[in-house]
Amino acid sequence: KLNELDTSDVEPMSHTFPVANVMREDV
């Protein structure tokens, strides 16, 4: 049933949320 959906305009992604480096600077 999911294969019936039109996903041609959906951009592929590797994560559901944006991934950003949250590490602080090493001081």
PDB file of all heavy atoms in Angstrom:
ATOM      1  N   LYS A   1       0.841  -1.199   0.000  1.00  0.00           N
ATOM      2  CA  LYS A   1       0.000   0.000   0.000  1.00  0.00           C
ATOM      3  C   LYS A   1       0.881   1.256   0.000  1.00  0.00           C
ATOM      4  O   LYS A   1       0.588   2.233  -0.687  1.00  0.00           O
ATOM      5  CB  LYS A   1      -0.932  -0.015   1.210  1.00  0.00           C
ATOM      6  CG  LYS A   1      -1.966   1.072   1.203  1.00  0.00           C
ATOM      7  CD  LYS A   1      -2.921   0.868   2.360  1.00  0.00           C
ATOM      8  CE  LYS A   1      -4.176   1.632   2.091  1.00  0.00           C
ATOM      9  NZ  LYS A   1      -5.324   0.808   1.838  1.00  0.00           N
ATOM     10  N   LEU A   2       1.985   1.228   0.756  1.00  0.00           N
ATOM     11  CA  LEU A   2       2.907   2.372   0.782  1.00  0.00           C
ATOM     12  C   LEU A   2       3.569   2.570  -0.579  1.00  0.00           C
ATOM     13  O   LEU A   2       3.879   3.692  -0.969  1.00  0.00           O
ATOM     14  CB  LEU A   2       3.980   2.176   1.859  1.00  0.00           C
ATOM     15  CG  LEU A   2       3.509   2.253   3.304  1.00  0.00           C
ATOM     16  CD1 LEU A   2       4.653   1.901   4.241  1.00  0.00           C
ATOM     17  CD2 LEU A   2       2.962   3.622   3.629  1.00  0.00           C
ATOM     18  N   ASN A   3       3.784   1.480  -1.305  1.00  0.00           N
ATOM     19  CA  ASN A   3       4.398   1.576  -2.633  1.00  0.00           C
ATOM     20  C   ASN A   3       3.506   2.288  -3.636  1.00  0.00           C
ATOM     21  O   ASN A   3       3.972   2.734  -4.680  1.00  0.00           O
ATOM     22  CB  ASN A   3       4.765   0.186  -3.158  1.00  0.00           C
ATOM     23  CG  ASN A   3       5.998  -0.361  -2.477  1.00  0.00           C
ATOM     24  OD1 ASN A   3       6.831   0.394  -1.991  1.00  0.00           O
ATOM     25  ND2 ASN A   3       6.107  -1.680  -2.439  1.00  0.00           N
ATOM     26  N   GLU A   4       2.216   2.411  -3.332  1.00  0.00           N
ATOM     27  CA  GLU A   4       1.283   3.099  -4.219  1.00  0.00           C
ATOM     28  C   GLU A   4       1.446   4.622  -4.159  1.00  0.00           C
ATOM     29  O   GLU A   4       0.966   5.317  -5.047  1.00  0.00           O
ATOM     30  CB  GLU A   4      -0.159   2.733  -3.864  1.00  0.00           C
ATOM     31  CG  GLU A   4      -0.486   1.269  -4.103  1.00  0.00           C
ATOM     32  CD  GLU A   4      -1.858   0.880  -3.586  1.00  0.00           C
ATOM     33  OE1 GLU A   4      -2.612   1.790  -3.158  1.00  0.00           O
ATOM     34  OE2 GLU A   4      -2.181  -0.315  -3.600  1.00  0.00           O
ATOM     35  N   LEU A   5       2.095   5.126  -3.121  1.00  0.00           N
ATOM     36  CA  LEU A   5       2.261   6.573  -2.963  1.00  0.00           C
ATOM     37  C   LEU A   5       3.205   7.137  -4.018  1.00  0.00           C
ATOM     38  O   LEU A   5       4.203   6.513  -4.362  1.00  0.00           O
ATOM     39  CB  LEU A   5       2.803   6.904  -1.573  1.00  0.00           C
ATOM     40  CG  LEU A   5       1.896   6.590  -0.395  1.00  0.00           C
ATOM     41  CD1 LEU A   5       2.647   6.804   0.910  1.00  0.00           C
ATOM     42  CD2 LEU A   5       0.650   7.458  -0.431  1.00  0.00           C
ATOM     43  N   ASP A   6       2.891   8.340  -4.478  1.00  0.00           N
ATOM     44  CA  ASP A   6       3.758   9.022  -5.435  1.00  0.00           C
ATOM     45  C   ASP A   6       4.824   9.792  -4.649  1.00  0.00           C
ATOM     46  O   ASP A   6       4.525  10.779  -3.978  1.00  0.00           O
ATOM     47  CB  ASP A   6       2.939   9.981  -6.297  1.00  0.00           C
ATOM     48  CG  ASP A   6       3.810  10.753  -7.276  1.00  0.00           C
ATOM     49  OD1 ASP A   6       4.903  10.246  -7.608  1.00  0.00           O
ATOM     50  OD2 ASP A   6       3.387  11.837  -7.706  1.00  0.00           O
ATOM     51  N   THR A   7       6.049   9.332  -4.726  1.00  0.00           N
ATOM     52  CA  THR A   7       7.147   9.971  -3.993  1.00  0.00           C
ATOM     53  C   THR A   7       8.148  10.613  -4.945  1.00  0.00           C
ATOM     54  O   THR A   7       9.282  10.880  -4.563  1.00  0.00           O
ATOM     55  CB  THR A   7       7.877   8.940  -3.114  1.00  0.00           C
ATOM     56  OG1 THR A   7       8.354   7.891  -3.948  1.00  0.00           O
ATOM     57  CG2 THR A   7       6.975   8.380  -2.035  1.00  0.00           C
ATOM     58  N   SER A   8       7.726  10.896  -6.164  1.00  0.00           N
ATOM     59  CA  SER A   8       8.652  11.440  -7.158  1.00  0.00           C
ATOM     60  C   SER A   8       9.141  12.840  -6.789  1.00  0.00           C
ATOM     61  O   SER A   8      10.242  13.228  -7.159  1.00  0.00           O
ATOM     62  CB  SER A   8       7.993  11.460  -8.539  1.00  0.00           C
ATOM     63  OG  SER A   8       6.804  12.236  -8.503  1.00  0.00           O
ATOM     64  N   ASP A   9       8.347  13.617  -6.031  1.00  0.00           N
ATOM     65  CA  ASP A   9       8.757  14.969  -5.645  1.00  0.00           C
ATOM     66  C   ASP A   9       9.377  15.026  -4.251  1.00  0.00           C
ATOM     67  O   ASP A   9       9.654  16.109  -3.733  1.00  0.00           O
ATOM     68  CB  ASP A   9       7.542  15.915  -5.687  1.00  0.00           C
ATOM     69  CG  ASP A   9       7.037  16.115  -7.105  1.00  0.00           C
ATOM     70  OD1 ASP A   9       7.857  16.013  -8.041  1.00  0.00           O
ATOM     71  OD2 ASP A   9       5.826  16.370  -7.272  1.00  0.00           O
ATOM     72  N   VAL A  10       9.588  13.884  -3.630  1.00  0.00           N
ATOM     73  CA  VAL A  10      10.138  13.845  -2.278  1.00  0.00           C
ATOM     74  C   VAL A  10      11.642  13.646  -2.367  1.00  0.00           C
ATOM     75  O   VAL A  10      12.121  12.697  -2.983  1.00  0.00           O
ATOM     76  CB  VAL A  10       9.496  12.713  -1.446  1.00  0.00           C
ATOM     77  CG1 VAL A  10      10.111  12.665  -0.054  1.00  0.00           C
ATOM     78  CG2 VAL A  10       7.995  12.894  -1.371  1.00  0.00           C
ATOM     79  N   GLU A  11      12.373  14.551  -1.735  1.00  0.00           N
ATOM     80  CA  GLU A  11      13.833  14.474  -1.756  1.00  0.00           C
ATOM     81  C   GLU A  11      14.318  13.360  -0.828  1.00  0.00           C
ATOM     82  O   GLU A  11      13.852  13.254   0.312  1.00  0.00           O
ATOM     83  CB  GLU A  11      14.418  15.806  -1.296  1.00  0.00           C
ATOM     84  CG  GLU A  11      15.913  15.886  -1.360  1.00  0.00           C
ATOM     85  CD  GLU A  11      16.432  17.232  -0.887  1.00  0.00           C
ATOM     86  OE1 GLU A  11      15.710  18.228  -1.004  1.00  0.00           O
ATOM     87  OE2 GLU A  11      17.571  17.262  -0.396  1.00  0.00           O
ATOM     88  N   PRO A  12      15.229  12.502  -1.280  1.00  0.00           N
ATOM     89  CA  PRO A  12      15.749  11.439  -0.408  1.00  0.00           C
ATOM     90  C   PRO A  12      16.487  12.042   0.789  1.00  0.00           C
ATOM     91  O   PRO A  12      17.092  13.109   0.684  1.00  0.00           O
ATOM     92  CB  PRO A  12      16.732  10.689  -1.302  1.00  0.00           C
ATOM     93  CG  PRO A  12      16.430  11.098  -2.683  1.00  0.00           C
ATOM     94  CD  PRO A  12      15.787  12.444  -2.613  1.00  0.00           C
ATOM     95  N   MET A  13      16.400  11.356   1.923  1.00  0.00           N
ATOM     96  CA  MET A  13      17.085  11.854   3.121  1.00  0.00           C
ATOM     97  C   MET A  13      17.653  10.683   3.903  1.00  0.00           C
ATOM     98  O   MET A  13      17.188   9.560   3.790  1.00  0.00           O
ATOM     99  CB  MET A  13      16.131  12.663   3.987  1.00  0.00           C
ATOM    100  CG  MET A  13      14.923  11.921   4.474  1.00  0.00           C
ATOM    101  SD  MET A  13      13.878  13.041   5.407  1.00  0.00           S
ATOM    102  CE  MET A  13      12.526  11.971   5.791  1.00  0.00           C
ATOM    103  N   SER A  14      18.679  10.977   4.684  1.00  0.00           N
ATOM    104  CA  SER A  14      19.287   9.926   5.490  1.00  0.00           C
ATOM    105  C   SER A  14      18.793   9.958   6.930  1.00  0.00           C
ATOM    106  O   SER A  14      18.914   8.986   7.646  1.00  0.00           O
ATOM    107  CB  SER A  14      20.812  10.056   5.468  1.00  0.00           C
ATOM    108  OG  SER A  14      21.193  11.295   6.009  1.00  0.00           O
ATOM    109  N   HIS A  15      18.238  11.095   7.369  1.00  0.00           N
ATOM    110  CA  HIS A  15      17.717  11.235   8.722  1.00  0.00           C
ATOM    111  C   HIS A  15      16.376  11.957   8.657  1.00  0.00           C
ATOM    112  O   HIS A  15      16.144  12.770   7.766  1.00  0.00           O
ATOM    113  CB  HIS A  15      18.660  12.054   9.604  1.00  0.00           C
ATOM    114  CG  HIS A  15      19.964  11.380   9.857  1.00  0.00           C
ATOM    115  ND1 HIS A  15      20.908  11.190   8.870  1.00  0.00           N
ATOM    116  CD2 HIS A  15      20.493  10.833  10.974  1.00  0.00           C
ATOM    117  CE1 HIS A  15      21.957  10.567   9.375  1.00  0.00           C
ATOM    118  NE2 HIS A  15      21.730  10.347  10.649  1.00  0.00           N
ATOM    119  N   THR A  16      15.525  11.696   9.637  1.00  0.00           N
ATOM    120  CA  THR A  16      14.234  12.373   9.661  1.00  0.00           C
ATOM    121  C   THR A  16      14.361  13.818  10.139  1.00  0.00           C
ATOM    122  O   THR A  16      13.538  14.650   9.800  1.00  0.00           O
ATOM    123  CB  THR A  16      13.244  11.639  10.576  1.00  0.00           C
ATOM    124  OG1 THR A  16      13.840  11.440  11.856  1.00  0.00           O
ATOM    125  CG2 THR A  16      12.851  10.306   9.973  1.00  0.00           C
ATOM    126  N   PHE A  17      15.385  14.098  10.926  1.00  0.00           N
ATOM    127  CA  PHE A  17      15.621  15.455  11.414  1.00  0.00           C
ATOM    128  C   PHE A  17      16.961  15.953  10.876  1.00  0.00           C
ATOM    129  O   PHE A  17      17.867  15.163  10.636  1.00  0.00           O
ATOM    130  CB  PHE A  17      15.665  15.485  12.954  1.00  0.00           C
ATOM    131  CG  PHE A  17      14.371  15.082  13.584  1.00  0.00           C
ATOM    132  CD1 PHE A  17      14.224  13.831  14.163  1.00  0.00           C
ATOM    133  CD2 PHE A  17      13.286  15.936  13.582  1.00  0.00           C
ATOM    134  CE1 PHE A  17      13.039  13.444  14.739  1.00  0.00           C
ATOM    135  CE2 PHE A  17      12.091  15.566  14.163  1.00  0.00           C
ATOM    136  CZ  PHE A  17      11.963  14.319  14.741  1.00  0.00           C
ATOM    137  N   PRO A  18      17.116  17.255  10.719  1.00  0.00           N
ATOM    138  CA  PRO A  18      18.413  17.767  10.254  1.00  0.00           C
ATOM    139  C   PRO A  18      19.522  17.406  11.261  1.00  0.00           C
ATOM    140  O   PRO A  18      19.335  17.517  12.464  1.00  0.00           O
ATOM    141  CB  PRO A  18      18.227  19.279  10.208  1.00  0.00           C
ATOM    142  CG  PRO A  18      16.789  19.546  10.413  1.00  0.00           C
ATOM    143  CD  PRO A  18      16.143  18.305  10.932  1.00  0.00           C
ATOM    144  N   VAL A  19      20.639  16.976  10.747  1.00  0.00           N
ATOM    145  CA  VAL A  19      21.752  16.584  11.607  1.00  0.00           C
ATOM    146  C   VAL A  19      22.790  17.697  11.572  1.00  0.00           C
ATOM    147  O   VAL A  19      23.240  18.116  10.515  1.00  0.00           O
ATOM    148  CB  VAL A  19      22.380  15.259  11.122  1.00  0.00           C
ATOM    149  CG1 VAL A  19      23.570  14.892  11.981  1.00  0.00           C
ATOM    150  CG2 VAL A  19      21.348  14.155  11.141  1.00  0.00           C
ATOM    151  N   ALA A  20      23.157  18.169  12.758  1.00  0.00           N
ATOM    152  CA  ALA A  20      24.178  19.211  12.859  1.00  0.00           C
ATOM    153  C   ALA A  20      25.133  18.847  13.979  1.00  0.00           C
ATOM    154  O   ALA A  20      24.741  18.255  14.985  1.00  0.00           O
ATOM    155  CB  ALA A  20      23.530  20.560  13.141  1.00  0.00           C
ATOM    156  N   ASN A  21      26.386  19.196  13.811  1.00  0.00           N
ATOM    157  CA  ASN A  21      27.384  18.938  14.833  1.00  0.00           C
ATOM    158  C   ASN A  21      27.146  19.909  15.986  1.00  0.00           C
ATOM    159  O   ASN A  21      27.184  21.125  15.809  1.00  0.00           O
ATOM    160  CB  ASN A  21      28.780  19.121  14.247  1.00  0.00           C
ATOM    161  CG  ASN A  21      29.841  18.623  15.187  1.00  0.00           C
ATOM    162  OD1 ASN A  21      29.558  18.285  16.330  1.00  0.00           O
ATOM    163  ND2 ASN A  21      31.059  18.582  14.708  1.00  0.00           N
ATOM    164  N   VAL A  22      26.912  19.373  17.182  1.00  0.00           N
ATOM    165  CA  VAL A  22      26.617  20.215  18.334  1.00  0.00           C
ATOM    166  C   VAL A  22      27.767  20.241  19.333  1.00  0.00           C
ATOM    167  O   VAL A  22      27.573  20.597  20.487  1.00  0.00           O
ATOM    168  CB  VAL A  22      25.340  19.739  19.054  1.00  0.00           C
ATOM    169  CG1 VAL A  22      24.129  19.931  18.172  1.00  0.00           C
ATOM    170  CG2 VAL A  22      25.462  18.290  19.475  1.00  0.00           C
ATOM    171  N   MET A  23      28.951  19.882  18.890  1.00  0.00           N
ATOM    172  CA  MET A  23      30.084  19.845  19.803  1.00  0.00           C
ATOM    173  C   MET A  23      30.644  21.250  20.014  1.00  0.00           C
ATOM    174  O   MET A  23      30.670  22.066  19.102  1.00  0.00           O
ATOM    175  CB  MET A  23      31.154  18.909  19.246  1.00  0.00           C
ATOM    176  CG  MET A  23      30.624  17.502  19.062  1.00  0.00           C
ATOM    177  SD  MET A  23      31.842  16.388  18.430  1.00  0.00           S
ATOM    178  CE  MET A  23      32.670  15.934  19.925  1.00  0.00           C
ATOM    179  N   ARG A  24      31.066  21.484  21.228  1.00  0.00           N
ATOM    180  CA  ARG A  24      31.648  22.785  21.542  1.00  0.00           C
ATOM    181  C   ARG A  24      33.122  22.803  21.164  1.00  0.00           C
ATOM    182  O   ARG A  24      33.743  21.764  20.987  1.00  0.00           O
ATOM    183  CB  ARG A  24      31.483  23.106  23.019  1.00  0.00           C
ATOM    184  CG  ARG A  24      32.233  22.146  23.933  1.00  0.00           C
ATOM    185  CD  ARG A  24      32.115  22.585  25.389  1.00  0.00           C
ATOM    186  NE  ARG A  24      32.622  21.591  26.282  1.00  0.00           N
ATOM    187  CZ  ARG A  24      33.899  21.352  26.534  1.00  0.00           C
ATOM    188  NH1 ARG A  24      34.820  22.050  25.921  1.00  0.00           N
ATOM    189  NH2 ARG A  24      34.266  20.431  27.384  1.00  0.00           N
ATOM    190  N   GLU A  25      33.678  23.985  21.092  1.00  0.00           N
ATOM    191  CA  GLU A  25      35.089  24.118  20.792  1.00  0.00           C
ATOM    192  C   GLU A  25      35.898  23.621  21.982  1.00  0.00           C
ATOM    193  O   GLU A  25      35.544  23.852  23.142  1.00  0.00           O
ATOM    194  CB  GLU A  25      35.417  25.589  20.520  1.00  0.00           C
ATOM    195  CG  GLU A  25      36.817  25.820  20.039  1.00  0.00           C
ATOM    196  CD  GLU A  25      37.087  27.285  19.743  1.00  0.00           C
ATOM    197  OE1 GLU A  25      36.136  28.001  19.410  1.00  0.00           O
ATOM    198  OE2 GLU A  25      38.250  27.684  19.846  1.00  0.00           O
ATOM    199  N   ASP A  26      36.982  22.914  21.729  1.00  0.00           N
ATOM    200  CA  ASP A  26      37.820  22.364  22.779  1.00  0.00           C
ATOM    201  C   ASP A  26      38.757  23.452  23.289  1.00  0.00           C
ATOM    202  O   ASP A  26      39.695  23.853  22.602  1.00  0.00           O
ATOM    203  CB  ASP A  26      38.615  21.184  22.234  1.00  0.00           C
ATOM    204  CG  ASP A  26      39.304  20.408  23.340  1.00  0.00           C
ATOM    205  OD1 ASP A  26      38.989  20.643  24.524  1.00  0.00           O
ATOM    206  OD2 ASP A  26      40.159  19.573  23.020  1.00  0.00           O
ATOM    207  N   VAL A  27      38.491  23.944  24.507  1.00  0.00           N
ATOM    208  CA  VAL A  27      39.285  25.016  25.089  1.00  0.00           C
ATOM    209  C   VAL A  27      39.883  24.513  26.402  1.00  0.00           C
ATOM    210  O   VAL A  27      39.174  23.984  27.260  1.00  0.00           O
ATOM    211  CB  VAL A  27      38.406  26.264  25.364  1.00  0.00           C
ATOM    212  CG1 VAL A  27      39.208  27.362  26.023  1.00  0.00           C
ATOM    213  CG2 VAL A  27      37.765  26.749  24.082  1.00  0.00           C
TER     214      VAL A  27
END
